[in-house]
């Protein structure tokens, strides 16, 4: 069996320009700004993003390890943030 590489992807939605962009576990240090409009991502928030994607990456790697070593069912985690209630996109700016 060929060993797969697990690489977690996070989708970031910029509410300034209403566009999405992806970041990957292997390049999480590249999330300084929106590549579409240049809106700056605060340094504290960059750390939260990095910590979150690292945790999901670690969990996905463990799922894969348990699948290979212990023949457990394979799972992966992906997360998505949603706006609900009064936090509609037009009201966030």
PDB file of N, CA and C in Angstrom:
ATOM      1  N   UNK A   1       0.828  -1.173   0.000  1.00  0.00           N
ATOM      2  CA  UNK A   1       0.000   0.000   0.000  1.00  0.00           C
ATOM      3  C   UNK A   1       0.883   1.250   0.000  1.00  0.00           C
ATOM      4  N   UNK A   2       0.596   2.157  -0.927  1.00  0.00           N
ATOM      5  CA  UNK A   2       1.358   3.393  -1.010  1.00  0.00           C
ATOM      6  C   UNK A   2       0.935   4.322   0.124  1.00  0.00           C
ATOM      7  N   UNK A   3       1.905   4.878   0.838  1.00  0.00           N
ATOM      8  CA  UNK A   3       1.623   5.774   1.950  1.00  0.00           C
ATOM      9  C   UNK A   3       1.210   7.142   1.414  1.00  0.00           C
ATOM     10  N   UNK A   4       0.124   7.666   1.947  1.00  0.00           N
ATOM     11  CA  UNK A   4      -0.376   8.970   1.549  1.00  0.00           C
ATOM     12  C   UNK A   4       0.189  10.041   2.463  1.00  0.00           C
ATOM     13  N   UNK A   5       0.219  11.253   1.940  1.00  0.00           N
ATOM     14  CA  UNK A   5       0.601  12.394   2.762  1.00  0.00           C
ATOM     15  C   UNK A   5      -0.671  13.131   3.166  1.00  0.00           C
ATOM     16  N   UNK A   6      -0.786  13.436   4.432  1.00  0.00           N
ATOM     17  CA  UNK A   6      -1.912  14.210   4.922  1.00  0.00           C
ATOM     18  C   UNK A   6      -1.489  15.679   4.947  1.00  0.00           C
ATOM     19  N   UNK A   7      -2.247  16.539   4.277  1.00  0.00           N
ATOM     20  CA  UNK A   7      -1.971  17.971   4.290  1.00  0.00           C
ATOM     21  C   UNK A   7      -3.290  18.707   4.488  1.00  0.00           C
ATOM     22  N   UNK A   8      -3.472  19.257   5.661  1.00  0.00           N
ATOM     23  CA  UNK A   8      -4.714  19.929   6.008  1.00  0.00           C
ATOM     24  C   UNK A   8      -4.799  21.286   5.323  1.00  0.00           C
ATOM     25  N   UNK A   9      -5.998  21.607   4.819  1.00  0.00           N
ATOM     26  CA  UNK A   9      -6.251  22.876   4.148  1.00  0.00           C
ATOM     27  C   UNK A   9      -7.310  23.647   4.928  1.00  0.00           C
ATOM     28  N   UNK A  10      -7.079  24.934   5.112  1.00  0.00           N
ATOM     29  CA  UNK A  10      -8.085  25.807   5.715  1.00  0.00           C
ATOM     30  C   UNK A  10      -8.539  26.802   4.657  1.00  0.00           C
ATOM     31  N   UNK A  11      -9.843  27.034   4.602  1.00  0.00           N
ATOM     32  CA  UNK A  11     -10.391  28.029   3.685  1.00  0.00           C
ATOM     33  C   UNK A  11     -10.711  29.270   4.504  1.00  0.00           C
ATOM     34  N   UNK A  12     -10.150  30.400   4.108  1.00  0.00           N
ATOM     35  CA  UNK A  12     -10.369  31.670   4.781  1.00  0.00           C
ATOM     36  C   UNK A  12     -11.304  32.504   3.901  1.00  0.00           C
ATOM     37  N   UNK A  13     -12.349  33.049   4.509  1.00  0.00           N
ATOM     38  CA  UNK A  13     -13.261  33.927   3.766  1.00  0.00           C
ATOM     39  C   UNK A  13     -13.002  35.365   4.208  1.00  0.00           C
ATOM     40  N   UNK A  14     -12.680  36.220   3.259  1.00  0.00           N
ATOM     41  CA  UNK A  14     -12.459  37.637   3.533  1.00  0.00           C
ATOM     42  C   UNK A  14     -13.790  38.358   3.361  1.00  0.00           C
ATOM     43  N   UNK A  15     -14.264  38.956   4.427  1.00  0.00           N
ATOM     44  CA  UNK A  15     -15.540  39.662   4.361  1.00  0.00           C
ATOM     45  C   UNK A  15     -15.380  41.070   3.794  1.00  0.00           C
ATOM     46  N   UNK A  16     -14.145  41.509   3.567  1.00  0.00           N
ATOM     47  CA  UNK A  16     -13.924  42.799   2.920  1.00  0.00           C
ATOM     48  C   UNK A  16     -14.227  42.706   1.437  1.00  0.00           C
ATOM     49  N   UNK A  17     -13.664  41.688   0.782  1.00  0.00           N
ATOM     50  CA  UNK A  17     -13.860  41.544  -0.668  1.00  0.00           C
ATOM     51  C   UNK A  17     -14.808  40.407  -1.033  1.00  0.00           C
ATOM     52  N   UNK A  18     -15.277  39.662  -0.006  1.00  0.00           N
ATOM     53  CA  UNK A  18     -16.238  38.564  -0.203  1.00  0.00           C
ATOM     54  C   UNK A  18     -15.647  37.372  -0.958  1.00  0.00           C
ATOM     55  N   UNK A  19     -14.315  37.217  -0.947  1.00  0.00           N
ATOM     56  CA  UNK A  19     -13.672  36.106  -1.656  1.00  0.00           C
ATOM     57  C   UNK A  19     -13.002  35.159  -0.658  1.00  0.00           C
ATOM     58  N   UNK A  20     -12.788  33.930  -1.106  1.00  0.00           N
ATOM     59  CA  UNK A  20     -12.130  32.898  -0.305  1.00  0.00           C
ATOM     60  C   UNK A  20     -10.703  32.685  -0.784  1.00  0.00           C
ATOM     61  N   UNK A  21      -9.859  32.224   0.133  1.00  0.00           N
ATOM     62  CA  UNK A  21      -8.535  31.744  -0.237  1.00  0.00           C
ATOM     63  C   UNK A  21      -8.157  30.616   0.698  1.00  0.00           C
ATOM     64  N   UNK A  22      -7.319  29.722   0.204  1.00  0.00           N
ATOM     65  CA  UNK A  22      -6.917  28.542   0.959  1.00  0.00           C
ATOM     66  C   UNK A  22      -5.519  28.719   1.525  1.00  0.00           C
ATOM     67  N   UNK A  23      -5.315  28.138   2.707  1.00  0.00           N
ATOM     68  CA  UNK A  23      -3.962  27.982   3.240  1.00  0.00           C
ATOM     69  C   UNK A  23      -3.796  26.515   3.595  1.00  0.00           C
ATOM     70  N   UNK A  24      -2.590  26.047   3.524  1.00  0.00           N
ATOM     71  CA  UNK A  24      -2.279  24.649   3.784  1.00  0.00           C
ATOM     72  C   UNK A  24      -1.349  24.549   4.980  1.00  0.00           C
ATOM     73  N   UNK A  25      -1.403  23.418   5.662  1.00  0.00           N
ATOM     74  CA  UNK A  25      -0.563  23.164   6.824  1.00  0.00           C
ATOM     75  C   UNK A  25       0.907  23.463   6.528  1.00  0.00           C
ATOM     76  N   UNK A  26       1.369  23.090   5.345  1.00  0.00           N
ATOM     77  CA  UNK A  26       2.790  23.229   5.015  1.00  0.00           C
ATOM     78  C   UNK A  26       3.213  24.671   4.777  1.00  0.00           C
ATOM     79  N   UNK A  27       2.249  25.599   4.611  1.00  0.00           N
ATOM     80  CA  UNK A  27       2.610  26.999   4.358  1.00  0.00           C
ATOM     81  C   UNK A  27       1.754  27.959   5.184  1.00  0.00           C
ATOM     82  N   UNK A  28       1.470  27.632   6.447  1.00  0.00           N
ATOM     83  CA  UNK A  28       0.582  28.474   7.258  1.00  0.00           C
ATOM     84  C   UNK A  28       1.189  29.838   7.583  1.00  0.00           C
ATOM     85  N   UNK A  29       2.477  30.013   7.395  1.00  0.00           N
ATOM     86  CA  UNK A  29       3.078  31.317   7.676  1.00  0.00           C
ATOM     87  C   UNK A  29       2.768  32.328   6.576  1.00  0.00           C
ATOM     88  N   UNK A  30       2.029  31.959   5.555  1.00  0.00           N
ATOM     89  CA  UNK A  30       1.736  32.830   4.424  1.00  0.00           C
ATOM     90  C   UNK A  30       0.350  33.458   4.513  1.00  0.00           C
ATOM     91  N   UNK A  31      -0.208  33.627   5.687  1.00  0.00           N
ATOM     92  CA  UNK A  31      -1.567  34.137   5.825  1.00  0.00           C
ATOM     93  C   UNK A  31      -1.571  35.565   6.395  1.00  0.00           C
ATOM     94  N   UNK A  32      -0.650  36.390   5.936  1.00  0.00           N
ATOM     95  CA  UNK A  32      -0.516  37.763   6.436  1.00  0.00           C
ATOM     96  C   UNK A  32      -1.626  38.684   5.946  1.00  0.00           C
ATOM     97  N   UNK A  33      -2.170  38.395   4.758  1.00  0.00           N
ATOM     98  CA  UNK A  33      -3.171  39.275   4.165  1.00  0.00           C
ATOM     99  C   UNK A  33      -3.998  38.502   3.143  1.00  0.00           C
ATOM    100  N   UNK A  34      -5.132  39.077   2.786  1.00  0.00           N
ATOM    101  CA  UNK A  34      -5.969  38.486   1.739  1.00  0.00           C
ATOM    102  C   UNK A  34      -5.281  38.672   0.395  1.00  0.00           C
ATOM    103  N   UNK A  35      -5.072  37.608  -0.355  1.00  0.00           N
ATOM    104  CA  UNK A  35      -4.393  37.737  -1.644  1.00  0.00           C
ATOM    105  C   UNK A  35      -5.240  38.439  -2.706  1.00  0.00           C
ATOM    106  N   UNK A  36      -6.526  38.606  -2.439  1.00  0.00           N
ATOM    107  CA  UNK A  36      -7.412  39.237  -3.417  1.00  0.00           C
ATOM    108  C   UNK A  36      -7.485  40.754  -3.245  1.00  0.00           C
ATOM    109  N   UNK A  37      -7.585  41.216  -1.990  1.00  0.00           N
ATOM    110  CA  UNK A  37      -7.781  42.659  -1.770  1.00  0.00           C
ATOM    111  C   UNK A  37      -6.711  43.288  -0.885  1.00  0.00           C
ATOM    112  N   UNK A  38      -5.861  42.457  -0.266  1.00  0.00           N
ATOM    113  CA  UNK A  38      -4.784  42.977   0.569  1.00  0.00           C
ATOM    114  C   UNK A  38      -5.165  43.271   2.007  1.00  0.00           C
ATOM    115  N   UNK A  39      -6.404  42.960   2.419  1.00  0.00           N
ATOM    116  CA  UNK A  39      -6.804  43.184   3.815  1.00  0.00           C
ATOM    117  C   UNK A  39      -5.849  42.424   4.739  1.00  0.00           C
ATOM    118  N   UNK A  40      -5.353  43.097   5.767  1.00  0.00           N
ATOM    119  CA  UNK A  40      -4.347  42.543   6.668  1.00  0.00           C
ATOM    120  C   UNK A  40      -4.997  41.622   7.695  1.00  0.00           C
ATOM    121  N   UNK A  41      -4.366  40.472   7.919  1.00  0.00           N
ATOM    122  CA  UNK A  41      -4.783  39.560   8.988  1.00  0.00           C
ATOM    123  C   UNK A  41      -3.931  39.887  10.209  1.00  0.00           C
ATOM    124  N   UNK A  42      -4.570  40.246  11.308  1.00  0.00           N
ATOM    125  CA  UNK A  42      -3.895  40.620  12.543  1.00  0.00           C
ATOM    126  C   UNK A  42      -2.953  39.504  13.006  1.00  0.00           C
ATOM    127  N   UNK A  43      -1.841  39.895  13.602  1.00  0.00           N
ATOM    128  CA  UNK A  43      -0.836  38.924  14.049  1.00  0.00           C
ATOM    129  C   UNK A  43      -1.407  37.917  15.051  1.00  0.00           C
ATOM    130  N   UNK A  44      -2.231  38.380  15.978  1.00  0.00           N
ATOM    131  CA  UNK A  44      -2.858  37.475  16.943  1.00  0.00           C
ATOM    132  C   UNK A  44      -3.751  36.467  16.235  1.00  0.00           C
ATOM    133  N   UNK A  45      -4.513  36.928  15.255  1.00  0.00           N
ATOM    134  CA  UNK A  45      -5.400  36.031  14.518  1.00  0.00           C
ATOM    135  C   UNK A  45      -4.600  35.041  13.674  1.00  0.00           C
ATOM    136  N   UNK A  46      -3.457  35.462  13.133  1.00  0.00           N
ATOM    137  CA  UNK A  46      -2.588  34.533  12.387  1.00  0.00           C
ATOM    138  C   UNK A  46      -2.158  33.391  13.290  1.00  0.00           C
ATOM    139  N   UNK A  47      -1.841  33.708  14.562  1.00  0.00           N
ATOM    140  CA  UNK A  47      -1.447  32.657  15.500  1.00  0.00           C
ATOM    141  C   UNK A  47      -2.602  31.700  15.747  1.00  0.00           C
ATOM    142  N   UNK A  48      -3.825  32.224  15.914  1.00  0.00           N
ATOM    143  CA  UNK A  48      -4.988  31.350  16.091  1.00  0.00           C
ATOM    144  C   UNK A  48      -5.189  30.453  14.874  1.00  0.00           C
ATOM    145  N   UNK A  49      -5.036  31.017  13.693  1.00  0.00           N
ATOM    146  CA  UNK A  49      -5.175  30.217  12.462  1.00  0.00           C
ATOM    147  C   UNK A  49      -4.134  29.109  12.432  1.00  0.00           C
ATOM    148  N   UNK A  50      -2.881  29.475  12.704  1.00  0.00           N
ATOM    149  CA  UNK A  50      -1.794  28.494  12.692  1.00  0.00           C
ATOM    150  C   UNK A  50      -2.018  27.404  13.736  1.00  0.00           C
ATOM    151  N   UNK A  51      -2.392  27.797  14.947  1.00  0.00           N
ATOM    152  CA  UNK A  51      -2.645  26.808  15.996  1.00  0.00           C
ATOM    153  C   UNK A  51      -3.787  25.866  15.611  1.00  0.00           C
ATOM    154  N   UNK A  52      -4.843  26.419  15.042  1.00  0.00           N
ATOM    155  CA  UNK A  52      -5.997  25.601  14.647  1.00  0.00           C
ATOM    156  C   UNK A  52      -5.640  24.607  13.563  1.00  0.00           C
ATOM    157  N   UNK A  53      -4.969  25.072  12.522  1.00  0.00           N
ATOM    158  CA  UNK A  53      -4.632  24.168  11.423  1.00  0.00           C
ATOM    159  C   UNK A  53      -3.620  23.117  11.880  1.00  0.00           C
ATOM    160  N   UNK A  54      -2.719  23.493  12.796  1.00  0.00           N
ATOM    161  CA  UNK A  54      -1.767  22.510  13.340  1.00  0.00           C
ATOM    162  C   UNK A  54      -2.493  21.406  14.113  1.00  0.00           C
ATOM    163  N   UNK A  55      -3.492  21.778  14.914  1.00  0.00           N
ATOM    164  CA  UNK A  55      -4.251  20.790  15.690  1.00  0.00           C
ATOM    165  C   UNK A  55      -5.015  19.844  14.765  1.00  0.00           C
ATOM    166  N   UNK A  56      -5.658  20.397  13.740  1.00  0.00           N
ATOM    167  CA  UNK A  56      -6.398  19.552  12.791  1.00  0.00           C
ATOM    168  C   UNK A  56      -5.430  18.649  12.027  1.00  0.00           C
ATOM    169  N   UNK A  57      -4.291  19.182  11.633  1.00  0.00           N
ATOM    170  CA  UNK A  57      -3.276  18.386  10.928  1.00  0.00           C
ATOM    171  C   UNK A  57      -2.824  17.214  11.800  1.00  0.00           C
ATOM    172  N   UNK A  58      -2.537  17.486  13.057  1.00  0.00           N
ATOM    173  CA  UNK A  58      -2.073  16.431  13.969  1.00  0.00           C
ATOM    174  C   UNK A  58      -3.138  15.342  14.131  1.00  0.00           C
ATOM    175  N   UNK A  59      -4.387  15.756  14.284  1.00  0.00           N
ATOM    176  CA  UNK A  59      -5.472  14.786  14.426  1.00  0.00           C
ATOM    177  C   UNK A  59      -5.628  13.958  13.160  1.00  0.00           C
ATOM    178  N   UNK A  60      -5.570  14.596  11.995  1.00  0.00           N
ATOM    179  CA  UNK A  60      -5.670  13.849  10.735  1.00  0.00           C
ATOM    180  C   UNK A  60      -4.517  12.864  10.564  1.00  0.00           C
ATOM    181  N   UNK A  61      -3.322  13.263  10.981  1.00  0.00           N
ATOM    182  CA  UNK A  61      -2.181  12.348  10.902  1.00  0.00           C
ATOM    183  C   UNK A  61      -2.381  11.147  11.828  1.00  0.00           C
ATOM    184  N   UNK A  62      -2.943  11.384  13.002  1.00  0.00           N
ATOM    185  CA  UNK A  62      -3.206  10.269  13.922  1.00  0.00           C
ATOM    186  C   UNK A  62      -4.282   9.331  13.369  1.00  0.00           C
ATOM    187  N   UNK A  63      -5.331   9.898  12.768  1.00  0.00           N
ATOM    188  CA  UNK A  63      -6.325   9.047  12.111  1.00  0.00           C
ATOM    189  C   UNK A  63      -5.655   8.147  11.077  1.00  0.00           C
ATOM    190  N   UNK A  64      -4.769   8.712  10.285  1.00  0.00           N
ATOM    191  CA  UNK A  64      -4.101   7.945   9.238  1.00  0.00           C
ATOM    192  C   UNK A  64      -3.164   6.891   9.838  1.00  0.00           C
ATOM    193  N   UNK A  65      -2.439   7.255  10.884  1.00  0.00           N
ATOM    194  CA  UNK A  65      -1.553   6.305  11.559  1.00  0.00           C
ATOM    195  C   UNK A  65      -2.349   5.122  12.106  1.00  0.00           C
ATOM    196  N   UNK A  66      -3.475   5.404  12.765  1.00  0.00           N
ATOM    197  CA  UNK A  66      -4.293   4.326  13.316  1.00  0.00           C
ATOM    198  C   UNK A  66      -4.875   3.456  12.215  1.00  0.00           C
ATOM    199  N   UNK A  67      -5.199   4.058  11.092  1.00  0.00           N
ATOM    200  CA  UNK A  67      -5.672   3.300   9.933  1.00  0.00           C
ATOM    201  C   UNK A  67      -4.588   2.345   9.443  1.00  0.00           C
ATOM    202  N   UNK A  68      -3.363   2.838   9.297  1.00  0.00           N
ATOM    203  CA  UNK A  68      -2.265   2.003   8.793  1.00  0.00           C
ATOM    204  C   UNK A  68      -1.827   0.941   9.795  1.00  0.00           C
ATOM    205  N   UNK A  69      -1.645   1.347  11.041  1.00  0.00           N
ATOM    206  CA  UNK A  69      -1.056   0.451  12.030  1.00  0.00           C
ATOM    207  C   UNK A  69      -2.064  -0.476  12.699  1.00  0.00           C
ATOM    208  N   UNK A  70      -3.269   0.006  12.932  1.00  0.00           N
ATOM    209  CA  UNK A  70      -4.244  -0.771  13.693  1.00  0.00           C
ATOM    210  C   UNK A  70      -5.458  -1.184  12.880  1.00  0.00           C
ATOM    211  N   UNK A  71      -5.428  -0.861  11.588  1.00  0.00           N
ATOM    212  CA  UNK A  71      -6.522  -1.212  10.657  1.00  0.00           C
ATOM    213  C   UNK A  71      -7.869  -0.637  11.100  1.00  0.00           C
ATOM    214  N   UNK A  72      -7.825   0.533  11.765  1.00  0.00           N
ATOM    215  CA  UNK A  72      -9.064   1.212  12.143  1.00  0.00           C
ATOM    216  C   UNK A  72      -9.619   1.956  10.932  1.00  0.00           C
ATOM    217  N   UNK A  73     -10.910   2.282  10.953  1.00  0.00           N
ATOM    218  CA  UNK A  73     -11.474   3.048   9.839  1.00  0.00           C
ATOM    219  C   UNK A  73     -10.760   4.391   9.689  1.00  0.00           C
ATOM    220  N   UNK A  74     -10.631   4.846   8.448  1.00  0.00           N
ATOM    221  CA  UNK A  74      -9.949   6.109   8.158  1.00  0.00           C
ATOM    222  C   UNK A  74     -10.945   7.263   8.213  1.00  0.00           C
ATOM    223  N   UNK A  75     -10.547   8.340   8.897  1.00  0.00           N
ATOM    224  CA  UNK A  75     -11.329   9.560   8.970  1.00  0.00           C
ATOM    225  C   UNK A  75     -10.414  10.746   8.717  1.00  0.00           C
ATOM    226  N   UNK A  76     -10.973  11.865   8.331  1.00  0.00           N
ATOM    227  CA  UNK A  76     -10.259  13.137   8.303  1.00  0.00           C
ATOM    228  C   UNK A  76     -11.216  14.220   8.803  1.00  0.00           C
ATOM    229  N   UNK A  77     -10.636  15.269   9.349  1.00  0.00           N
ATOM    230  CA  UNK A  77     -11.402  16.399   9.849  1.00  0.00           C
ATOM    231  C   UNK A  77     -11.194  17.584   8.914  1.00  0.00           C
ATOM    232  N   UNK A  78     -12.270  18.289   8.609  1.00  0.00           N
ATOM    233  CA  UNK A  78     -12.171  19.595   7.980  1.00  0.00           C
ATOM    234  C   UNK A  78     -13.164  20.508   8.684  1.00  0.00           C
ATOM    235  N   UNK A  79     -12.854  21.779   8.763  1.00  0.00           N
ATOM    236  CA  UNK A  79     -13.681  22.737   9.480  1.00  0.00           C
ATOM    237  C   UNK A  79     -14.108  23.852   8.553  1.00  0.00           C
ATOM    238  N   UNK A  80     -15.284  24.419   8.823  1.00  0.00           N
ATOM    239  CA  UNK A  80     -15.729  25.566   8.047  1.00  0.00           C
ATOM    240  C   UNK A  80     -16.492  26.503   8.973  1.00  0.00           C
ATOM    241  N   UNK A  81     -16.182  27.766   8.910  1.00  0.00           N
ATOM    242  CA  UNK A  81     -16.888  28.760   9.702  1.00  0.00           C
ATOM    243  C   UNK A  81     -18.064  29.311   8.922  1.00  0.00           C
ATOM    244  N   UNK A  82     -19.160  29.519   9.607  1.00  0.00           N
ATOM    245  CA  UNK A  82     -20.372  30.029   8.970  1.00  0.00           C
ATOM    246  C   UNK A  82     -20.897  31.231   9.731  1.00  0.00           C
ATOM    247  N   UNK A  83     -21.455  32.182   9.008  1.00  0.00           N
ATOM    248  CA  UNK A  83     -22.138  33.312   9.636  1.00  0.00           C
ATOM    249  C   UNK A  83     -23.599  32.941   9.809  1.00  0.00           C
ATOM    250  N   UNK A  84     -24.159  33.226  10.982  1.00  0.00           N
ATOM    251  CA  UNK A  84     -25.555  32.890  11.242  1.00  0.00           C
ATOM    252  C   UNK A  84     -26.271  34.081  11.857  1.00  0.00           C
ATOM    253  N   UNK A  85     -27.569  33.986  11.941  1.00  0.00           N
ATOM    254  CA  UNK A  85     -28.418  34.989  12.572  1.00  0.00           C
ATOM    255  C   UNK A  85     -28.170  36.379  11.990  1.00  0.00           C
ATOM    256  N   UNK A  86     -27.874  37.348  12.846  1.00  0.00           N
ATOM    257  CA  UNK A  86     -27.705  38.739  12.407  1.00  0.00           C
ATOM    258  C   UNK A  86     -26.350  39.014  11.777  1.00  0.00           C
ATOM    259  N   UNK A  87     -25.437  38.059  11.825  1.00  0.00           N
ATOM    260  CA  UNK A  87     -24.095  38.270  11.295  1.00  0.00           C
ATOM    261  C   UNK A  87     -24.037  37.945   9.804  1.00  0.00           C
ATOM    262  N   UNK A  88     -24.928  38.508   9.040  1.00  0.00           N
ATOM    263  CA  UNK A  88     -24.904  38.292   7.600  1.00  0.00           C
ATOM    264  C   UNK A  88     -23.739  39.062   7.007  1.00  0.00           C
ATOM    265  N   UNK A  89     -23.281  38.613   5.853  1.00  0.00           N
ATOM    266  CA  UNK A  89     -22.081  39.199   5.250  1.00  0.00           C
ATOM    267  C   UNK A  89     -22.173  40.704   5.069  1.00  0.00           C
ATOM    268  N   UNK A  90     -23.300  41.237   4.688  1.00  0.00           N
ATOM    269  CA  UNK A  90     -23.399  42.673   4.445  1.00  0.00           C
ATOM    270  C   UNK A  90     -23.283  43.484   5.736  1.00  0.00           C
ATOM    271  N   UNK A  91     -23.505  42.849   6.883  1.00  0.00           N
ATOM    272  CA  UNK A  91     -23.467  43.565   8.155  1.00  0.00           C
ATOM    273  C   UNK A  91     -22.130  43.434   8.869  1.00  0.00           C
ATOM    274  N   UNK A  92     -21.167  42.674   8.321  1.00  0.00           N
ATOM    275  CA  UNK A  92     -19.915  42.394   9.039  1.00  0.00           C
ATOM    276  C   UNK A  92     -18.901  43.519   8.852  1.00  0.00           C
ATOM    277  N   UNK A  93     -18.903  44.194   7.752  1.00  0.00           N
ATOM    278  CA  UNK A  93     -17.884  45.226   7.477  1.00  0.00           C
ATOM    279  C   UNK A  93     -17.806  46.264   8.508  1.00  0.00           C
TER     280      UNK A  93
END
